Amino acid sequence: MSTPTITSLAFLTPGNFADDDPYTGLEETLRLFEYGERLGFDGAWIRQRHLEHGVGSAAVFLTAAGQRTERIELGTAVIPIGYESPFRLAEDLALADVLSRGRLQVGFSTGMPLADLLGDLVYDGDWRSFDLSYGRIARLVDNLRGDYLGDPDTVIRSPGNVQRPRLQPHNPGLVKRIWYGGGSLRSVRWAAENRLNLLSGNIVSGEETDDFTTAQLNLLREYRHRLDDNRPAARVALGRVIVPFDSAEGATRARYRDYAASRHERTLKPQTLGAMGPKRFLFAPDVVGTAEQILEQLTTDPVLAQVSELRLELPYEFHREEYEQILHDVRHLIAPELGWRPASSALQEAGQ
């Protein structure tokens, strides 16, 4: 079995906030992005969540994060495409990317979670007949490519300017930084055939196996098999919930253990998720313990050995100080043992 070698380290946070004080929670998440950059992390990612105490518009949040950071990649995992206009969201993402000087990494999924509650609020007319799947993502990607609209003679006129119309600001680099959150064989095939990077996390579809590791290895194998010769350098990032408690206090350690224990039962057999119908899902166990215990698991993880990018998925409803402790311990005690080095040699020398 090969040993994992991680060259890119990122984290994904849920962006929690209190119902009666959203500003404080969102500000603390922005500070967490700043902290991650100081530690030398390569990427900081936010979840997009509707009707919850979390970020409902990743493009808006990442625009703010871009003004608070200088180097770190800014990602979102994932934007459910069913709620989005392929053109208007492309405009927002292009603008956020320009303001961050080309640091956005944008992940998508299909469908509309909570559609019965939100569908009629988002759309006029019968949205149930719309294409809310892969075709909608493909339209957004096409918009980001910035092809001119109309025929060659079509222009738009504004004070002091005449130009051919296309999505603005036009930033051709962003289209290469689009990701798909693929959890099924069908989805990873589509991602590869459409030249999107791949996000694979701790939930996958149970197809032909009840073993999570086998299923995830099958996804990576299928994705790479389907890549064409024009995209040999497509990126693959693996997400894992990793919670070290080396520098945590006793009460915090107990909280971490309780969190993992509350989620362990779902890993014991395939699960079905309500609105998702009869589809079977497999869950990876959370990786919780001392750095030594965590490294024992990670260095023998055959999936991690197949990728070079690791995305640390932070638990829901923790506090900023706890998130910072997790990032600190991963950065100092775990990631270096997996071959990772901070993005800046100056940070490494300073021991931050």
Protein backbone atom coordinates (compact mmCIF):
# COMPACT_ATOMS: atom_id res chain seq x y z
CA MET A 1 0.00 0.00 0.00
CA SER A 2 1.38 3.43 -0.99
CA THR A 3 1.84 6.20 1.57
CA PRO A 4 -0.20 9.40 1.21
CA THR A 5 1.68 12.46 -0.04
CA ILE A 6 -0.31 15.65 0.40
CA THR A 7 0.81 18.74 -1.52
CA SER A 8 -2.31 20.90 -1.01
CA LEU A 9 -4.11 21.34 2.31
CA ALA A 10 -7.45 23.16 2.66
CA PHE A 11 -10.32 23.33 5.12
CA LEU A 12 -14.09 23.51 4.69
CA THR A 13 -16.18 25.28 7.31
CA PRO A 14 -19.98 25.50 7.72
CA GLY A 15 -20.10 29.22 8.58
CA ASN A 16 -22.26 28.91 11.69
CA PHE A 17 -24.03 31.88 13.26
CA ALA A 18 -26.65 32.47 15.93
CA ASP A 19 -30.21 33.21 14.86
CA ASP A 20 -30.28 36.50 16.75
CA ASP A 21 -26.71 37.57 15.89
CA PRO A 22 -25.65 36.52 12.39
CA TYR A 23 -22.94 39.18 12.09
CA THR A 24 -20.79 37.78 14.88
CA GLY A 25 -20.78 34.26 13.46
CA LEU A 26 -20.02 35.40 9.92
CA GLU A 27 -17.26 37.71 11.16
CA GLU A 28 -15.70 34.83 13.09
CA THR A 29 -15.76 32.71 9.95
CA LEU A 30 -13.94 35.46 8.06
CA ARG A 31 -11.39 35.55 10.88
CA LEU A 32 -11.01 31.79 10.53
CA PHE A 33 -10.12 32.29 6.85
CA GLU A 34 -7.50 34.84 7.91
CA TYR A 35 -6.15 32.45 10.53
CA GLY A 36 -5.93 29.60 8.02
CA GLU A 37 -3.94 31.82 5.67
CA ARG A 38 -1.52 32.77 8.45
CA LEU A 39 -0.98 29.08 9.21
CA GLY A 40 -0.06 28.45 5.59
CA PHE A 41 -3.15 26.50 4.48
CA ASP A 42 -3.54 26.42 0.72
CA GLY A 43 -7.32 26.77 0.64
CA ALA A 44 -10.29 27.92 2.73
CA TRP A 45 -13.74 26.74 1.67
CA ILE A 46 -17.28 27.60 2.78
CA ARG A 47 -20.44 25.51 2.58
CA GLN A 48 -23.50 27.06 0.93
CA ARG A 49 -26.63 26.31 2.97
CA HIS A 50 -30.19 27.49 2.43
CA LEU A 51 -32.69 28.12 5.27
CA GLU A 52 -30.01 27.29 7.85
CA HIS A 53 -27.69 29.27 10.11
CA GLY A 54 -25.02 29.33 7.42
CA VAL A 55 -23.94 31.08 4.24
CA GLY A 56 -26.78 31.31 1.73
CA SER A 57 -24.67 33.03 -0.93
CA ALA A 58 -21.14 31.73 -1.27
CA ALA A 59 -20.29 34.32 -3.93
CA VAL A 60 -21.08 37.18 -1.53
CA PHE A 61 -19.18 35.62 1.35
CA LEU A 62 -16.12 34.82 -0.73
CA THR A 63 -16.06 38.38 -2.05
CA ALA A 64 -15.71 39.55 1.55
CA ALA A 65 -13.12 36.84 2.27
CA GLY A 66 -11.13 37.98 -0.75
CA GLN A 67 -10.76 41.42 0.80
CA ARG A 68 -9.56 39.95 4.08
CA THR A 69 -6.95 37.57 2.65
CA GLU A 70 -4.17 37.81 0.07
CA ARG A 71 -2.95 34.38 -0.97
CA ILE A 72 -5.20 31.51 0.10
CA GLU A 73 -7.56 29.86 -2.42
CA LEU A 74 -11.21 30.65 -1.71
CA GLY A 75 -13.65 27.81 -2.35
CA THR A 76 -17.26 26.82 -1.98
CA ALA A 77 -18.50 23.25 -1.63
CA VAL A 78 -21.05 23.06 -2.91
CA ILE A 79 -23.55 25.36 -4.63
CA PRO A 80 -26.78 23.45 -5.47
CA ILE A 81 -27.35 24.54 -9.05
CA GLY A 82 -31.13 24.15 -8.93
CA TYR A 83 -31.58 27.46 -7.11
CA GLU A 84 -29.32 29.45 -9.38
CA SER A 85 -29.55 31.37 -12.63
CA PRO A 86 -26.68 30.06 -14.80
CA PHE A 87 -26.01 33.56 -16.14
CA ARG A 88 -26.50 35.70 -13.04
CA LEU A 89 -24.48 33.39 -10.80
CA ALA A 90 -21.72 33.32 -13.41
CA GLU A 91 -21.63 37.14 -13.24
CA ASP A 92 -21.38 37.09 -9.44
CA LEU A 93 -18.63 34.47 -9.43
CA ALA A 94 -16.65 36.23 -12.15
CA LEU A 95 -16.80 39.50 -10.19
CA ALA A 96 -15.78 37.82 -6.92
CA ASP A 97 -12.91 36.09 -8.70
CA VAL A 98 -11.57 39.33 -10.18
CA LEU A 99 -11.75 41.05 -6.79
CA SER A 100 -9.82 38.18 -5.20
CA ARG A 101 -7.21 38.30 -8.01
CA GLY A 102 -8.13 34.89 -9.38
CA ARG A 103 -8.36 32.80 -6.21
CA LEU A 104 -11.89 31.34 -6.44
CA GLN A 105 -12.45 27.57 -6.51
CA VAL A 106 -16.16 26.92 -7.16
CA GLY A 107 -17.84 23.60 -6.41
CA PHE A 108 -21.32 22.61 -7.61
CA SER A 109 -23.90 19.92 -7.06
CA THR A 110 -27.14 19.21 -8.86
CA GLY A 111 -30.71 19.43 -7.63
CA MET A 112 -32.60 21.48 -5.07
CA PRO A 113 -32.45 20.43 -1.41
CA LEU A 114 -35.62 21.54 0.43
CA ALA A 115 -37.33 22.05 -2.93
CA ASP A 116 -40.84 21.77 -1.48
CA LEU A 117 -40.13 24.81 0.68
CA LEU A 118 -38.06 26.90 -1.70
CA GLY A 119 -39.00 25.97 -5.24
CA ASP A 120 -41.98 28.30 -5.53
CA LEU A 121 -40.03 31.14 -3.89
CA VAL A 122 -37.20 30.91 -6.41
CA TYR A 123 -39.14 30.34 -9.63
CA ASP A 124 -42.21 31.73 -11.33
CA GLY A 125 -44.01 28.84 -12.98
CA ASP A 126 -43.64 25.10 -12.68
CA TRP A 127 -39.99 24.61 -11.78
CA ARG A 128 -40.55 20.84 -11.63
CA SER A 129 -40.28 20.76 -15.41
CA PHE A 130 -36.95 22.62 -15.50
CA ASP A 131 -33.54 21.03 -16.01
CA LEU A 132 -32.02 21.37 -12.53
CA SER A 133 -29.27 18.85 -13.11
CA TYR A 134 -26.03 18.64 -15.07
CA GLY A 135 -27.28 20.72 -18.00
CA ARG A 136 -27.74 23.73 -15.75
CA ILE A 137 -24.13 23.53 -14.57
CA ALA A 138 -22.96 23.16 -18.17
CA ARG A 139 -24.81 26.36 -19.07
CA LEU A 140 -23.08 28.25 -16.24
CA VAL A 141 -19.67 26.96 -17.34
CA ASP A 142 -20.42 28.03 -20.92
CA ASN A 143 -21.28 31.51 -19.66
CA LEU A 144 -17.96 31.73 -17.82
CA ARG A 145 -16.13 30.99 -21.05
CA GLY A 146 -17.30 34.42 -22.19
CA ASP A 147 -18.44 33.73 -25.74
CA TYR A 148 -19.86 36.78 -27.46
CA LEU A 149 -23.67 37.04 -27.67
CA GLY A 150 -25.50 37.70 -30.89
CA ASP A 151 -23.93 37.74 -34.34
CA PRO A 152 -20.54 39.35 -35.14
CA ASP A 153 -22.23 42.69 -35.78
CA THR A 154 -24.07 42.81 -32.44
CA VAL A 155 -22.86 45.59 -30.15
CA ILE A 156 -24.15 47.38 -27.07
CA ARG A 157 -23.66 51.09 -26.52
CA SER A 158 -23.15 52.91 -23.26
CA PRO A 159 -21.77 56.40 -22.55
CA GLY A 160 -18.27 56.50 -24.00
CA ASN A 161 -18.22 52.82 -24.92
CA VAL A 162 -19.23 50.47 -27.73
CA GLN A 163 -18.55 46.78 -27.27
CA ARG A 164 -19.59 43.31 -28.26
CA PRO A 165 -21.76 41.77 -25.50
CA ARG A 166 -20.61 38.93 -23.29
CA LEU A 167 -20.53 38.11 -19.59
CA GLN A 168 -18.57 40.73 -17.69
CA PRO A 169 -16.12 40.86 -16.12
CA HIS A 170 -14.61 38.32 -18.47
CA ASN A 171 -12.08 36.16 -16.66
CA PRO A 172 -11.13 33.10 -18.74
CA GLY A 173 -9.13 31.50 -15.92
CA LEU A 174 -12.14 30.85 -13.67
CA VAL A 175 -13.59 28.16 -15.93
CA LYS A 176 -10.56 26.00 -15.12
CA ARG A 177 -11.32 26.27 -11.39
CA ILE A 178 -14.79 24.75 -11.42
CA TRP A 179 -15.36 21.61 -9.33
CA TYR A 180 -18.12 19.05 -9.08
CA GLY A 181 -19.05 17.29 -5.84
CA GLY A 182 -19.32 13.77 -7.22
CA GLY A 183 -20.70 10.98 -5.06
CA SER A 184 -21.94 8.53 -7.70
CA LEU A 185 -20.45 6.83 -10.74
CA ARG A 186 -22.76 8.76 -13.04
CA SER A 187 -21.75 12.10 -11.53
CA VAL A 188 -17.99 11.51 -11.72
CA ARG A 189 -18.32 10.41 -15.35
CA TRP A 190 -20.13 13.64 -16.15
CA ALA A 191 -17.53 15.71 -14.28
CA ALA A 192 -14.67 14.08 -16.18
CA GLU A 193 -16.35 14.35 -19.56
CA ASN A 194 -17.02 18.05 -18.92
CA ARG A 195 -13.47 18.70 -17.70
CA LEU A 196 -14.41 19.72 -14.17
CA ASN A 197 -12.24 19.11 -11.13
CA LEU A 198 -13.56 16.56 -8.63
CA LEU A 199 -14.52 16.93 -4.97
CA SER A 200 -15.06 13.67 -3.09
CA GLY A 201 -16.05 13.78 0.57
CA ASN A 202 -17.30 11.56 3.35
CA ILE A 203 -20.61 10.61 1.66
CA VAL A 204 -20.76 8.44 -1.47
CA SER A 205 -23.39 6.41 -3.26
CA GLY A 206 -23.48 2.71 -2.43
CA GLU A 207 -23.16 1.16 -5.89
CA GLU A 208 -22.20 -2.52 -6.15
CA THR A 209 -20.72 -2.45 -2.64
CA ASP A 210 -21.59 -1.66 0.99
CA ASP A 211 -18.01 -0.70 1.80
CA PHE A 212 -17.30 3.03 1.81
CA THR A 213 -13.61 2.75 0.89
CA THR A 214 -14.29 0.42 -2.03
CA ALA A 215 -17.04 2.71 -3.32
CA GLN A 216 -14.86 5.83 -3.13
CA LEU A 217 -11.93 4.13 -4.82
CA ASN A 218 -14.30 3.09 -7.62
CA LEU A 219 -15.34 6.74 -8.05
CA LEU A 220 -11.76 7.97 -8.35
CA ARG A 221 -10.87 5.20 -10.75
CA GLU A 222 -13.89 5.91 -12.96
CA TYR A 223 -13.26 9.66 -12.97
CA ARG A 224 -9.65 9.29 -14.05
CA HIS A 225 -10.56 6.70 -16.65
CA ARG A 226 -13.04 9.11 -18.24
CA LEU A 227 -10.73 12.13 -18.41
CA ASP A 228 -9.73 12.91 -21.95
CA ASP A 229 -6.21 13.73 -23.07
CA ASN A 230 -7.03 17.46 -22.97
CA ARG A 231 -7.42 17.44 -19.16
CA PRO A 232 -4.62 15.28 -17.76
CA ALA A 233 -3.99 17.69 -14.88
CA ALA A 234 -7.51 17.82 -13.48
CA ARG A 235 -7.53 18.29 -9.72
CA VAL A 236 -9.03 15.82 -7.25
CA ALA A 237 -9.59 16.85 -3.62
CA LEU A 238 -10.56 14.44 -0.86
CA GLY A 239 -12.63 15.61 2.10
CA ARG A 240 -12.35 14.04 5.55
CA VAL A 241 -13.71 15.09 8.96
CA ILE A 242 -10.51 15.18 11.02
CA VAL A 243 -10.65 16.36 14.64
CA PRO A 244 -7.37 16.20 16.60
CA PHE A 245 -7.49 17.13 20.26
CA ASP A 246 -3.81 17.27 21.24
CA SER A 247 -3.94 20.92 22.31
CA ALA A 248 -7.61 20.88 23.39
CA GLU A 249 -8.74 21.05 26.99
CA GLY A 250 -10.43 18.09 28.69
CA ALA A 251 -14.00 19.32 28.23
CA THR A 252 -13.35 20.05 24.57
CA ARG A 253 -11.92 16.58 24.02
CA ALA A 254 -15.08 15.07 25.47
CA ARG A 255 -17.15 17.27 23.15
CA TYR A 256 -15.20 16.01 20.15
CA ARG A 257 -15.67 12.39 21.17
CA ASP A 258 -19.39 12.91 21.72
CA TYR A 259 -19.71 14.54 18.29
CA ALA A 260 -18.06 11.61 16.53
CA ALA A 261 -20.04 9.06 18.56
CA SER A 262 -23.34 10.72 17.60
CA ARG A 263 -22.49 10.22 13.91
CA HIS A 264 -20.94 6.76 14.06
CA GLU A 265 -24.07 4.66 13.65
CA ARG A 266 -24.66 6.01 10.15
CA THR A 267 -21.32 4.50 9.06
CA LEU A 268 -22.31 0.94 9.97
CA LYS A 269 -24.63 0.25 7.04
CA PRO A 270 -26.01 1.94 3.91
CA GLN A 271 -28.44 4.78 4.59
CA THR A 272 -31.34 6.30 2.68
CA LEU A 273 -31.90 10.05 2.91
CA GLY A 274 -35.58 10.99 2.82
CA ALA A 275 -36.08 13.22 -0.20
CA MET A 276 -33.35 11.39 -2.11
CA GLY A 277 -35.61 8.36 -2.58
CA PRO A 278 -34.34 4.76 -2.45
CA LYS A 279 -30.75 5.68 -3.31
CA ARG A 280 -28.25 4.16 -0.86
CA PHE A 281 -25.53 6.28 0.76
CA LEU A 282 -22.34 5.25 2.54
CA PHE A 283 -20.67 7.43 5.19
CA ALA A 284 -17.02 7.56 6.23
CA PRO A 285 -16.30 7.56 9.99
CA ASP A 286 -14.99 10.80 11.46
CA VAL A 287 -11.28 10.70 12.28
CA VAL A 288 -11.01 11.83 15.91
CA GLY A 289 -8.22 11.39 18.47
CA THR A 290 -4.63 12.35 19.08
CA ALA A 291 -2.42 13.24 16.15
CA GLU A 292 -0.71 9.87 16.52
CA GLN A 293 -4.02 8.00 16.38
CA ILE A 294 -5.21 10.06 13.42
CA LEU A 295 -2.01 9.48 11.48
CA GLU A 296 -2.37 5.73 12.01
CA GLN A 297 -5.71 5.93 10.20
CA LEU A 298 -4.71 8.39 7.49
CA THR A 299 -1.45 6.72 6.50
CA THR A 300 -3.32 3.45 5.91
CA ASP A 301 -6.26 5.07 4.09
CA PRO A 302 -6.07 3.69 0.53
CA VAL A 303 -8.21 6.54 -0.80
CA LEU A 304 -6.00 9.28 0.61
CA ALA A 305 -3.03 7.55 -1.01
CA GLN A 306 -4.67 8.17 -4.40
CA VAL A 307 -4.85 11.97 -4.11
CA SER A 308 -2.54 14.87 -3.34
CA GLU A 309 -5.14 17.37 -2.10
CA LEU A 310 -6.76 17.01 1.33
CA ARG A 311 -9.72 19.12 2.44
CA LEU A 312 -10.26 19.17 6.20
CA GLU A 313 -14.04 19.22 6.80
CA LEU A 314 -14.77 21.05 10.05
CA PRO A 315 -17.71 19.92 12.22
CA TYR A 316 -20.96 21.83 12.43
CA GLU A 317 -21.80 24.11 15.37
CA PHE A 318 -18.35 24.39 16.92
CA HIS A 319 -16.84 27.69 18.09
CA ARG A 320 -14.08 29.64 16.34
CA GLU A 321 -11.57 28.86 19.09
CA GLU A 322 -12.24 25.15 18.62
CA TYR A 323 -11.91 25.42 14.85
CA GLU A 324 -8.62 27.27 15.27
CA GLN A 325 -7.32 24.57 17.62
CA ILE A 326 -8.22 21.89 15.06
CA LEU A 327 -6.49 23.79 12.25
CA HIS A 328 -3.45 24.42 14.43
CA ASP A 329 -3.02 20.75 15.36
CA VAL A 330 -3.57 19.53 11.81
CA ARG A 331 -1.09 22.05 10.43
CA HIS A 332 1.65 21.32 13.00
CA LEU A 333 1.17 17.68 14.00
CA ILE A 334 -0.55 15.86 11.14
CA ALA A 335 -0.15 17.44 7.70
CA PRO A 336 3.70 17.60 7.79
CA GLU A 337 3.77 13.85 8.48
CA LEU A 338 1.78 13.38 5.26
CA GLY A 339 4.38 15.25 3.21
CA TRP A 340 2.66 18.66 3.20
CA ARG A 341 4.58 21.90 3.60
CA PRO A 342 3.17 25.41 4.16
CA ALA A 343 2.59 27.56 1.11
CA SER A 344 5.19 30.09 2.27
CA SER A 345 8.69 29.14 3.37
CA ALA A 346 8.65 32.25 5.57
CA LEU A 347 5.70 30.81 7.49
CA GLN A 348 7.51 27.51 7.85
CA GLU A 349 10.63 29.21 9.19
CA ALA A 350 8.56 31.30 11.61
CA GLY A 351 6.84 28.18 12.90
CA GLN A 352 3.42 29.82 12.78
